[in-house]
Amino acid sequence: IVYLQMNSLQAEDTAIYYCGATGYISKEAISRSMAYDNWG
């Protein structure tokens, strides 16, 4: 289980939120959606 606690929400936070998972990747790749193999 992975949680995301969101505080001080703003209108700009409105979106569909997706969970992704992958094997080991570099820290630089963590923020890249193309690095993830699985999505909810």
PDB file of all heavy atoms in Angstrom:
ATOM      1  N   ILE A   1       0.844  -1.187   0.000  1.00  0.00           N
ATOM      2  CA  ILE A   1       0.000   0.000   0.000  1.00  0.00           C
ATOM      3  C   ILE A   1       0.880   1.237   0.000  1.00  0.00           C
ATOM      4  O   ILE A   1       1.813   1.339   0.795  1.00  0.00           O
ATOM      5  CB  ILE A   1      -0.942   0.053   1.217  1.00  0.00           C
ATOM      6  CG1 ILE A   1      -1.764  -1.234   1.331  1.00  0.00           C
ATOM      7  CG2 ILE A   1      -1.869   1.256   1.108  1.00  0.00           C
ATOM      8  CD1 ILE A   1      -2.630  -1.300   2.570  1.00  0.00           C
ATOM      9  N   VAL A   2       0.578   2.157  -0.877  1.00  0.00           N
ATOM     10  CA  VAL A   2       1.253   3.448  -0.906  1.00  0.00           C
ATOM     11  C   VAL A   2       0.211   4.534  -0.697  1.00  0.00           C
ATOM     12  O   VAL A   2      -0.848   4.514  -1.329  1.00  0.00           O
ATOM     13  CB  VAL A   2       1.999   3.667  -2.234  1.00  0.00           C
ATOM     14  CG1 VAL A   2       2.630   5.053  -2.269  1.00  0.00           C
ATOM     15  CG2 VAL A   2       3.070   2.606  -2.415  1.00  0.00           C
ATOM     16  N   TYR A   3       0.518   5.459   0.189  1.00  0.00           N
ATOM     17  CA  TYR A   3      -0.412   6.524   0.524  1.00  0.00           C
ATOM     18  C   TYR A   3       0.099   7.863   0.009  1.00  0.00           C
ATOM     19  O   TYR A   3       1.298   8.080  -0.147  1.00  0.00           O
ATOM     20  CB  TYR A   3      -0.593   6.627   2.039  1.00  0.00           C
ATOM     21  CG  TYR A   3      -1.044   5.355   2.700  1.00  0.00           C
ATOM     22  CD1 TYR A   3      -0.125   4.499   3.310  1.00  0.00           C
ATOM     23  CD2 TYR A   3      -2.386   5.002   2.726  1.00  0.00           C
ATOM     24  CE1 TYR A   3      -0.539   3.332   3.917  1.00  0.00           C
ATOM     25  CE2 TYR A   3      -2.804   3.838   3.332  1.00  0.00           C
ATOM     26  CZ  TYR A   3      -1.879   3.004   3.931  1.00  0.00           C
ATOM     27  OH  TYR A   3      -2.295   1.842   4.540  1.00  0.00           O
ATOM     28  N   LEU A   4      -0.830   8.753  -0.220  1.00  0.00           N
ATOM     29  CA  LEU A   4      -0.499  10.126  -0.549  1.00  0.00           C
ATOM     30  C   LEU A   4      -1.375  11.033   0.295  1.00  0.00           C
ATOM     31  O   LEU A   4      -2.575  11.150   0.043  1.00  0.00           O
ATOM     32  CB  LEU A   4      -0.700  10.418  -2.033  1.00  0.00           C
ATOM     33  CG  LEU A   4      -0.294  11.827  -2.473  1.00  0.00           C
ATOM     34  CD1 LEU A   4       1.226  11.993  -2.379  1.00  0.00           C
ATOM     35  CD2 LEU A   4      -0.769  12.110  -3.897  1.00  0.00           C
ATOM     36  N   GLN A   5      -0.778  11.643   1.308  1.00  0.00           N
ATOM     37  CA  GLN A   5      -1.480  12.607   2.139  1.00  0.00           C
ATOM     38  C   GLN A   5      -1.361  13.969   1.491  1.00  0.00           C
ATOM     39  O   GLN A   5      -0.253  14.451   1.254  1.00  0.00           O
ATOM     40  CB  GLN A   5      -0.889  12.635   3.550  1.00  0.00           C
ATOM     41  CG  GLN A   5      -1.534  13.655   4.479  1.00  0.00           C
ATOM     42  CD  GLN A   5      -2.972  13.329   4.788  1.00  0.00           C
ATOM     43  OE1 GLN A   5      -3.295  12.180   5.076  1.00  0.00           O
ATOM     44  NE2 GLN A   5      -3.846  14.327   4.708  1.00  0.00           N
ATOM     45  N   MET A   6      -2.484  14.596   1.203  1.00  0.00           N
ATOM     46  CA  MET A   6      -2.510  15.866   0.510  1.00  0.00           C
ATOM     47  C   MET A   6      -3.124  16.921   1.415  1.00  0.00           C
ATOM     48  O   MET A   6      -4.279  16.801   1.818  1.00  0.00           O
ATOM     49  CB  MET A   6      -3.301  15.754  -0.791  1.00  0.00           C
ATOM     50  CG  MET A   6      -2.815  14.646  -1.711  1.00  0.00           C
ATOM     51  SD  MET A   6      -3.690  14.613  -3.304  1.00  0.00           S
ATOM     52  CE  MET A   6      -5.337  14.148  -2.734  1.00  0.00           C
ATOM     53  N   ASN A   7      -2.353  17.939   1.723  1.00  0.00           N
ATOM     54  CA  ASN A   7      -2.804  19.035   2.568  1.00  0.00           C
ATOM     55  C   ASN A   7      -2.763  20.339   1.794  1.00  0.00           C
ATOM     56  O   ASN A   7      -2.094  20.454   0.772  1.00  0.00           O
ATOM     57  CB  ASN A   7      -1.932  19.147   3.822  1.00  0.00           C
ATOM     58  CG  ASN A   7      -1.970  17.916   4.687  1.00  0.00           C
ATOM     59  OD1 ASN A   7      -2.992  17.244   4.786  1.00  0.00           O
ATOM     60  ND2 ASN A   7      -0.849  17.613   5.342  1.00  0.00           N
ATOM     61  N   SER A   8      -3.466  21.334   2.308  1.00  0.00           N
ATOM     62  CA  SER A   8      -3.503  22.665   1.692  1.00  0.00           C
ATOM     63  C   SER A   8      -3.808  22.574   0.202  1.00  0.00           C
ATOM     64  O   SER A   8      -3.136  23.185  -0.631  1.00  0.00           O
ATOM     65  CB  SER A   8      -2.174  23.389   1.931  1.00  0.00           C
ATOM     66  OG  SER A   8      -1.902  23.523   3.310  1.00  0.00           O
ATOM     67  N   LEU A   9      -4.833  21.828  -0.128  1.00  0.00           N
ATOM     68  CA  LEU A   9      -5.172  21.599  -1.527  1.00  0.00           C
ATOM     69  C   LEU A   9      -5.615  22.883  -2.217  1.00  0.00           C
ATOM     70  O   LEU A   9      -6.287  23.729  -1.624  1.00  0.00           O
ATOM     71  CB  LEU A   9      -6.261  20.544  -1.633  1.00  0.00           C
ATOM     72  CG  LEU A   9      -5.764  19.109  -1.411  1.00  0.00           C
ATOM     73  CD1 LEU A   9      -6.926  18.178  -1.133  1.00  0.00           C
ATOM     74  CD2 LEU A   9      -4.973  18.632  -2.624  1.00  0.00           C
ATOM     75  N   GLN A  10      -5.232  23.000  -3.465  1.00  0.00           N
ATOM     76  CA  GLN A  10      -5.540  24.150  -4.293  1.00  0.00           C
ATOM     77  C   GLN A  10      -6.319  23.693  -5.519  1.00  0.00           C
ATOM     78  O   GLN A  10      -6.316  22.516  -5.871  1.00  0.00           O
ATOM     79  CB  GLN A  10      -4.253  24.861  -4.733  1.00  0.00           C
ATOM     80  CG  GLN A  10      -3.331  25.235  -3.589  1.00  0.00           C
ATOM     81  CD  GLN A  10      -1.928  25.578  -4.054  1.00  0.00           C
ATOM     82  OE1 GLN A  10      -1.631  25.592  -5.245  1.00  0.00           O
ATOM     83  NE2 GLN A  10      -1.052  25.866  -3.102  1.00  0.00           N
ATOM     84  N   ALA A  11      -6.971  24.642  -6.180  1.00  0.00           N
ATOM     85  CA  ALA A  11      -7.714  24.310  -7.383  1.00  0.00           C
ATOM     86  C   ALA A  11      -6.811  23.680  -8.435  1.00  0.00           C
ATOM     87  O   ALA A  11      -7.243  22.813  -9.203  1.00  0.00           O
ATOM     88  CB  ALA A  11      -8.392  25.559  -7.951  1.00  0.00           C
ATOM     89  N   GLU A  12      -5.562  24.090  -8.469  1.00  0.00           N
ATOM     90  CA  GLU A  12      -4.598  23.559  -9.430  1.00  0.00           C
ATOM     91  C   GLU A  12      -4.249  22.097  -9.178  1.00  0.00           C
ATOM     92  O   GLU A  12      -3.626  21.457 -10.032  1.00  0.00           O
ATOM     93  CB  GLU A  12      -3.321  24.405  -9.417  1.00  0.00           C
ATOM     94  CG  GLU A  12      -3.499  25.824  -9.958  1.00  0.00           C
ATOM     95  CD  GLU A  12      -4.206  26.750  -8.983  1.00  0.00           C
ATOM     96  OE1 GLU A  12      -4.238  26.453  -7.771  1.00  0.00           O
ATOM     97  OE2 GLU A  12      -4.731  27.781  -9.442  1.00  0.00           O
ATOM     98  N   ASP A  13      -4.627  21.562  -8.025  1.00  0.00           N
ATOM     99  CA  ASP A  13      -4.393  20.156  -7.726  1.00  0.00           C
ATOM    100  C   ASP A  13      -5.455  19.251  -8.324  1.00  0.00           C
ATOM    101  O   ASP A  13      -5.330  18.026  -8.257  1.00  0.00           O
ATOM    102  CB  ASP A  13      -4.335  19.933  -6.212  1.00  0.00           C
ATOM    103  CG  ASP A  13      -3.165  20.646  -5.559  1.00  0.00           C
ATOM    104  OD1 ASP A  13      -2.050  20.588  -6.114  1.00  0.00           O
ATOM    105  OD2 ASP A  13      -3.367  21.262  -4.488  1.00  0.00           O
ATOM    106  N   THR A  14      -6.497  19.826  -8.885  1.00  0.00           N
ATOM    107  CA  THR A  14      -7.561  19.041  -9.494  1.00  0.00           C
ATOM    108  C   THR A  14      -7.017  18.237 -10.669  1.00  0.00           C
ATOM    109  O   THR A  14      -6.429  18.789 -11.593  1.00  0.00           O
ATOM    110  CB  THR A  14      -8.701  19.942  -9.970  1.00  0.00           C
ATOM    111  OG1 THR A  14      -9.310  20.576  -8.840  1.00  0.00           O
ATOM    112  CG2 THR A  14      -9.759  19.141 -10.712  1.00  0.00           C
ATOM    113  N   ALA A  15      -7.193  16.927 -10.608  1.00  0.00           N
ATOM    114  CA  ALA A  15      -6.670  16.036 -11.642  1.00  0.00           C
ATOM    115  C   ALA A  15      -7.082  14.606 -11.319  1.00  0.00           C
ATOM    116  O   ALA A  15      -7.613  14.323 -10.245  1.00  0.00           O
ATOM    117  CB  ALA A  15      -5.142  16.131 -11.715  1.00  0.00           C
ATOM    118  N   ILE A  16      -6.825  13.725 -12.267  1.00  0.00           N
ATOM    119  CA  ILE A  16      -6.898  12.305 -11.979  1.00  0.00           C
ATOM    120  C   ILE A  16      -5.530  11.882 -11.467  1.00  0.00           C
ATOM    121  O   ILE A  16      -4.511  12.148 -12.110  1.00  0.00           O
ATOM    122  CB  ILE A  16      -7.271  11.478 -13.225  1.00  0.00           C
ATOM    123  CG1 ILE A  16      -8.632  11.914 -13.761  1.00  0.00           C
ATOM    124  CG2 ILE A  16      -7.303   9.996 -12.895  1.00  0.00           C
ATOM    125  CD1 ILE A  16      -9.031  11.223 -15.046  1.00  0.00           C
ATOM    126  N   TYR A  17      -5.515  11.240 -10.329  1.00  0.00           N
ATOM    127  CA  TYR A  17      -4.272  10.806  -9.711  1.00  0.00           C
ATOM    128  C   TYR A  17      -4.059   9.325  -9.977  1.00  0.00           C
ATOM    129  O   TYR A  17      -4.928   8.500  -9.702  1.00  0.00           O
ATOM    130  CB  TYR A  17      -4.299  11.084  -8.205  1.00  0.00           C
ATOM    131  CG  TYR A  17      -4.081  12.535  -7.885  1.00  0.00           C
ATOM    132  CD1 TYR A  17      -5.056  13.484  -8.185  1.00  0.00           C
ATOM    133  CD2 TYR A  17      -2.894  12.974  -7.310  1.00  0.00           C
ATOM    134  CE1 TYR A  17      -4.852  14.828  -7.919  1.00  0.00           C
ATOM    135  CE2 TYR A  17      -2.677  14.313  -7.035  1.00  0.00           C
ATOM    136  CZ  TYR A  17      -3.658  15.235  -7.339  1.00  0.00           C
ATOM    137  OH  TYR A  17      -3.451  16.564  -7.070  1.00  0.00           O
ATOM    138  N   TYR A  18      -2.880   9.005 -10.506  1.00  0.00           N
ATOM    139  CA  TYR A  18      -2.535   7.641 -10.874  1.00  0.00           C
ATOM    140  C   TYR A  18      -1.385   7.126 -10.029  1.00  0.00           C
ATOM    141  O   TYR A  18      -0.450   7.866  -9.720  1.00  0.00           O
ATOM    142  CB  TYR A  18      -2.113   7.553 -12.342  1.00  0.00           C
ATOM    143  CG  TYR A  18      -3.192   7.901 -13.334  1.00  0.00           C
ATOM    144  CD1 TYR A  18      -3.325   9.188 -13.821  1.00  0.00           C
ATOM    145  CD2 TYR A  18      -4.069   6.922 -13.794  1.00  0.00           C
ATOM    146  CE1 TYR A  18      -4.304   9.513 -14.740  1.00  0.00           C
ATOM    147  CE2 TYR A  18      -5.051   7.235 -14.712  1.00  0.00           C
ATOM    148  CZ  TYR A  18      -5.163   8.529 -15.183  1.00  0.00           C
ATOM    149  OH  TYR A  18      -6.135   8.840 -16.105  1.00  0.00           O
ATOM    150  N   CYS A  19      -1.446   5.868  -9.696  1.00  0.00           N
ATOM    151  CA  CYS A  19      -0.363   5.183  -9.011  1.00  0.00           C
ATOM    152  C   CYS A  19       0.428   4.371 -10.031  1.00  0.00           C
ATOM    153  O   CYS A  19      -0.156   3.655 -10.847  1.00  0.00           O
ATOM    154  CB  CYS A  19      -0.928   4.269  -7.924  1.00  0.00           C
ATOM    155  SG  CYS A  19       0.301   3.301  -7.032  1.00  0.00           S
ATOM    156  N   GLY A  20       1.748   4.482  -9.995  1.00  0.00           N
ATOM    157  CA  GLY A  20       2.607   3.739 -10.890  1.00  0.00           C
ATOM    158  C   GLY A  20       3.657   2.959 -10.124  1.00  0.00           C
ATOM    159  O   GLY A  20       4.011   3.312  -9.004  1.00  0.00           O
ATOM    160  N   ALA A  21       4.165   1.890 -10.737  1.00  0.00           N
ATOM    161  CA  ALA A  21       5.180   1.060 -10.105  1.00  0.00           C
ATOM    162  C   ALA A  21       6.168   0.566 -11.141  1.00  0.00           C
ATOM    163  O   ALA A  21       5.822   0.355 -12.312  1.00  0.00           O
ATOM    164  CB  ALA A  21       4.545  -0.125  -9.378  1.00  0.00           C
ATOM    165  N   THR A  22       7.406   0.366 -10.713  1.00  0.00           N
ATOM    166  CA  THR A  22       8.438  -0.167 -11.576  1.00  0.00           C
ATOM    167  C   THR A  22       9.549  -0.751 -10.723  1.00  0.00           C
ATOM    168  O   THR A  22       9.558  -0.595  -9.501  1.00  0.00           O
ATOM    169  CB  THR A  22       8.991   0.919 -12.521  1.00  0.00           C
ATOM    170  OG1 THR A  22       9.835   0.324 -13.511  1.00  0.00           O
ATOM    171  CG2 THR A  22       9.789   1.961 -11.745  1.00  0.00           C
ATOM    172  N   GLY A  23      10.501  -1.427 -11.360  1.00  0.00           N
ATOM    173  CA  GLY A  23      11.671  -1.936 -10.665  1.00  0.00           C
ATOM    174  C   GLY A  23      12.631  -0.815 -10.357  1.00  0.00           C
ATOM    175  O   GLY A  23      12.291   0.376 -10.428  1.00  0.00           O
ATOM    176  N   TYR A  24      13.863  -1.198 -10.025  1.00  0.00           N
ATOM    177  CA  TYR A  24      14.853  -0.184  -9.680  1.00  0.00           C
ATOM    178  C   TYR A  24      15.135   0.734 -10.858  1.00  0.00           C
ATOM    179  O   TYR A  24      15.383   0.278 -11.981  1.00  0.00           O
ATOM    180  CB  TYR A  24      16.155  -0.827  -9.227  1.00  0.00           C
ATOM    181  CG  TYR A  24      17.236   0.195  -8.977  1.00  0.00           C
ATOM    182  CD1 TYR A  24      17.286   0.905  -7.782  1.00  0.00           C
ATOM    183  CD2 TYR A  24      18.192   0.478  -9.952  1.00  0.00           C
ATOM    184  CE1 TYR A  24      18.261   1.866  -7.562  1.00  0.00           C
ATOM    185  CE2 TYR A  24      19.164   1.441  -9.736  1.00  0.00           C
ATOM    186  CZ  TYR A  24      19.192   2.134  -8.537  1.00  0.00           C
ATOM    187  OH  TYR A  24      20.151   3.094  -8.322  1.00  0.00           O
ATOM    188  N   ILE A  25      15.097   2.034 -10.595  1.00  0.00           N
ATOM    189  CA  ILE A  25      15.457   3.043 -11.578  1.00  0.00           C
ATOM    190  C   ILE A  25      16.282   4.111 -10.881  1.00  0.00           C
ATOM    191  O   ILE A  25      16.269   4.228  -9.655  1.00  0.00           O
ATOM    192  CB  ILE A  25      14.224   3.681 -12.248  1.00  0.00           C
ATOM    193  CG1 ILE A  25      13.255   4.211 -11.194  1.00  0.00           C
ATOM    194  CG2 ILE A  25      13.531   2.685 -13.164  1.00  0.00           C
ATOM    195  CD1 ILE A  25      12.067   4.948 -11.766  1.00  0.00           C
ATOM    196  N   SER A  26      16.980   4.900 -11.655  1.00  0.00           N
ATOM    197  CA  SER A  26      17.781   5.968 -11.082  1.00  0.00           C
ATOM    198  C   SER A  26      16.879   7.029 -10.467  1.00  0.00           C
ATOM    199  O   SER A  26      15.710   7.163 -10.838  1.00  0.00           O
ATOM    200  CB  SER A  26      18.677   6.603 -12.145  1.00  0.00           C
ATOM    201  OG  SER A  26      17.907   7.283 -13.111  1.00  0.00           O
ATOM    202  N   LYS A  27      17.429   7.781  -9.541  1.00  0.00           N
ATOM    203  CA  LYS A  27      16.628   8.815  -8.905  1.00  0.00           C
ATOM    204  C   LYS A  27      16.171   9.870  -9.905  1.00  0.00           C
ATOM    205  O   LYS A  27      15.124  10.488  -9.720  1.00  0.00           O
ATOM    206  CB  LYS A  27      17.389   9.463  -7.749  1.00  0.00           C
ATOM    207  CG  LYS A  27      18.639  10.235  -8.158  1.00  0.00           C
ATOM    208  CD  LYS A  27      19.287  10.868  -6.931  1.00  0.00           C
ATOM    209  CE  LYS A  27      20.502  11.691  -7.315  1.00  0.00           C
ATOM    210  NZ  LYS A  27      21.128  12.317  -6.112  1.00  0.00           N
ATOM    211  N   GLU A  28      16.965  10.053 -10.955  1.00  0.00           N
ATOM    212  CA  GLU A  28      16.588  11.012 -11.988  1.00  0.00           C
ATOM    213  C   GLU A  28      15.369  10.548 -12.777  1.00  0.00           C
ATOM    214  O   GLU A  28      14.618  11.370 -13.309  1.00  0.00           O
ATOM    215  CB  GLU A  28      17.752  11.255 -12.946  1.00  0.00           C
ATOM    216  CG  GLU A  28      18.929  12.014 -12.340  1.00  0.00           C
ATOM    217  CD  GLU A  28      19.847  11.135 -11.519  1.00  0.00           C
ATOM    218  OE1 GLU A  28      19.707   9.888 -11.596  1.00  0.00           O
ATOM    219  OE2 GLU A  28      20.694  11.676 -10.805  1.00  0.00           O
ATOM    220  N   ALA A  29      15.175   9.235 -12.854  1.00  0.00           N
ATOM    221  CA  ALA A  29      14.077   8.685 -13.632  1.00  0.00           C
ATOM    222  C   ALA A  29      12.779   8.575 -12.850  1.00  0.00           C
ATOM    223  O   ALA A  29      11.723   8.335 -13.443  1.00  0.00           O
ATOM    224  CB  ALA A  29      14.464   7.307 -14.181  1.00  0.00           C
ATOM    225  N   ILE A  30      12.838   8.740 -11.556  1.00  0.00           N
ATOM    226  CA  ILE A  30      11.657   8.553 -10.719  1.00  0.00           C
ATOM    227  C   ILE A  30      10.525   9.489 -11.104  1.00  0.00           C
ATOM    228  O   ILE A  30       9.348   9.138 -11.005  1.00  0.00           O
ATOM    229  CB  ILE A  30      12.032   8.715  -9.235  1.00  0.00           C
ATOM    230  CG1 ILE A  30      12.889   7.522  -8.790  1.00  0.00           C
ATOM    231  CG2 ILE A  30      10.794   8.843  -8.361  1.00  0.00           C
ATOM    232  CD1 ILE A  30      13.415   7.628  -7.382  1.00  0.00           C
ATOM    233  N   SER A  31      10.854  10.677 -11.545  1.00  0.00           N
ATOM    234  CA  SER A  31       9.844  11.671 -11.893  1.00  0.00           C
ATOM    235  C   SER A  31       9.362  11.574 -13.342  1.00  0.00           C
ATOM    236  O   SER A  31       8.569  12.403 -13.780  1.00  0.00           O
ATOM    237  CB  SER A  31      10.385  13.078 -11.636  1.00  0.00           C
ATOM    238  OG  SER A  31      11.509  13.351 -12.452  1.00  0.00           O
ATOM    239  N   ARG A  32       9.814  10.569 -14.065  1.00  0.00           N
ATOM    240  CA  ARG A  32       9.464  10.415 -15.470  1.00  0.00           C
ATOM    241  C   ARG A  32       8.413   9.316 -15.626  1.00  0.00           C
ATOM    242  O   ARG A  32       8.655   8.164 -15.286  1.00  0.00           O
ATOM    243  CB  ARG A  32      10.704  10.083 -16.297  1.00  0.00           C
ATOM    244  CG  ARG A  32      11.801  11.148 -16.186  1.00  0.00           C
ATOM    245  CD  ARG A  32      13.102  10.680 -16.792  1.00  0.00           C
ATOM    246  NE  ARG A  32      14.182  11.633 -16.568  1.00  0.00           N
ATOM    247  CZ  ARG A  32      15.465  11.378 -16.767  1.00  0.00           C
ATOM    248  NH1 ARG A  32      15.836  10.185 -17.208  1.00  0.00           N
ATOM    249  NH2 ARG A  32      16.369  12.303 -16.527  1.00  0.00           N
ATOM    250  N   SER A  33       7.272   9.669 -16.156  1.00  0.00           N
ATOM    251  CA  SER A  33       6.179   8.714 -16.282  1.00  0.00           C
ATOM    252  C   SER A  33       6.540   7.533 -17.173  1.00  0.00           C
ATOM    253  O   SER A  33       6.048   6.418 -16.962  1.00  0.00           O
ATOM    254  CB  SER A  33       4.917   9.404 -16.806  1.00  0.00           C
ATOM    255  OG  SER A  33       5.131   9.947 -18.099  1.00  0.00           O
ATOM    256  N   MET A  34       7.410   7.746 -18.156  1.00  0.00           N
ATOM    257  CA  MET A  34       7.779   6.684 -19.077  1.00  0.00           C
ATOM    258  C   MET A  34       8.595   5.589 -18.417  1.00  0.00           C
ATOM    259  O   MET A  34       8.766   4.509 -18.990  1.00  0.00           O
ATOM    260  CB  MET A  34       8.560   7.255 -20.260  1.00  0.00           C
ATOM    261  CG  MET A  34       7.737   8.123 -21.187  1.00  0.00           C
ATOM    262  SD  MET A  34       6.415   7.180 -22.005  1.00  0.00           S
ATOM    263  CE  MET A  34       7.386   6.068 -23.023  1.00  0.00           C
ATOM    264  N   ALA A  35       9.098   5.832 -17.210  1.00  0.00           N
ATOM    265  CA  ALA A  35       9.904   4.849 -16.509  1.00  0.00           C
ATOM    266  C   ALA A  35       9.067   3.778 -15.815  1.00  0.00           C
ATOM    267  O   ALA A  35       9.619   2.781 -15.358  1.00  0.00           O
ATOM    268  CB  ALA A  35      10.803   5.541 -15.482  1.00  0.00           C
ATOM    269  N   TYR A  36       7.778   3.963 -15.748  1.00  0.00           N
ATOM    270  CA  TYR A  36       6.923   3.071 -14.978  1.00  0.00           C
ATOM    271  C   TYR A  36       6.246   2.021 -15.847  1.00  0.00           C
ATOM    272  O   TYR A  36       5.718   2.331 -16.921  1.00  0.00           O
ATOM    273  CB  TYR A  36       5.900   3.879 -14.186  1.00  0.00           C
ATOM    274  CG  TYR A  36       6.584   4.687 -13.110  1.00  0.00           C
ATOM    275  CD1 TYR A  36       7.193   5.897 -13.413  1.00  0.00           C
ATOM    276  CD2 TYR A  36       6.665   4.207 -11.808  1.00  0.00           C
ATOM    277  CE1 TYR A  36       7.877   6.611 -12.444  1.00  0.00           C
ATOM    278  CE2 TYR A  36       7.336   4.922 -10.841  1.00  0.00           C
ATOM    279  CZ  TYR A  36       7.943   6.116 -11.157  1.00  0.00           C
ATOM    280  OH  TYR A  36       8.617   6.826 -10.191  1.00  0.00           O
ATOM    281  N   ASP A  37       6.262   0.785 -15.353  1.00  0.00           N
ATOM    282  CA  ASP A  37       5.738  -0.354 -16.102  1.00  0.00           C
ATOM    283  C   ASP A  37       4.266  -0.616 -15.841  1.00  0.00           C
ATOM    284  O   ASP A  37       3.564  -1.145 -16.707  1.00  0.00           O
ATOM    285  CB  ASP A  37       6.530  -1.621 -15.746  1.00  0.00           C
ATOM    286  CG  ASP A  37       8.003  -1.492 -16.042  1.00  0.00           C
ATOM    287  OD1 ASP A  37       8.347  -1.028 -17.140  1.00  0.00           O
ATOM    288  OD2 ASP A  37       8.810  -1.886 -15.166  1.00  0.00           O
ATOM    289  N   ASN A  38       3.810  -0.295 -14.655  1.00  0.00           N
ATOM    290  CA  ASN A  38       2.451  -0.619 -14.243  1.00  0.00           C
ATOM    291  C   ASN A  38       1.735   0.617 -13.729  1.00  0.00           C
ATOM    292  O   ASN A  38       2.327   1.455 -13.049  1.00  0.00           O
ATOM    293  CB  ASN A  38       2.453  -1.697 -13.156  1.00  0.00           C
ATOM    294  CG  ASN A  38       3.132  -2.978 -13.591  1.00  0.00           C
ATOM    295  OD1 ASN A  38       4.305  -3.193 -13.317  1.00  0.00           O
ATOM    296  ND2 ASN A  38       2.384  -3.829 -14.284  1.00  0.00           N
ATOM    297  N   TRP A  39       0.444   0.692 -14.029  1.00  0.00           N
ATOM    298  CA  TRP A  39      -0.374   1.828 -13.619  1.00  0.00           C
ATOM    299  C   TRP A  39      -1.726   1.360 -13.112  1.00  0.00           C
ATOM    300  O   TRP A  39      -2.269   0.353 -13.572  1.00  0.00           O
ATOM    301  CB  TRP A  39      -0.608   2.788 -14.780  1.00  0.00           C
ATOM    302  CG  TRP A  39       0.623   3.459 -15.279  1.00  0.00           C
ATOM    303  CD1 TRP A  39       1.422   3.057 -16.304  1.00  0.00           C
ATOM    304  CD2 TRP A  39       1.204   4.668 -14.773  1.00  0.00           C
ATOM    305  NE1 TRP A  39       2.463   3.937 -16.472  1.00  0.00           N
ATOM    306  CE2 TRP A  39       2.348   4.939 -15.542  1.00  0.00           C
ATOM    307  CE3 TRP A  39       0.856   5.547 -13.744  1.00  0.00           C
ATOM    308  CZ2 TRP A  39       3.155   6.049 -15.318  1.00  0.00           C
ATOM    309  CZ3 TRP A  39       1.657   6.649 -13.511  1.00  0.00           C
ATOM    310  CH2 TRP A  39       2.790   6.896 -14.297  1.00  0.00           C
ATOM    311  N   GLY A  40      -2.274   2.114 -12.165  1.00  0.00           N
ATOM    312  CA  GLY A  40      -3.637   1.886 -11.739  1.00  0.00           C
ATOM    313  C   GLY A  40      -4.600   2.616 -12.643  1.00  0.00           C
ATOM    314  O   GLY A  40      -4.207   3.268 -13.621  1.00  0.00           O
TER     315      GLY A  40
END
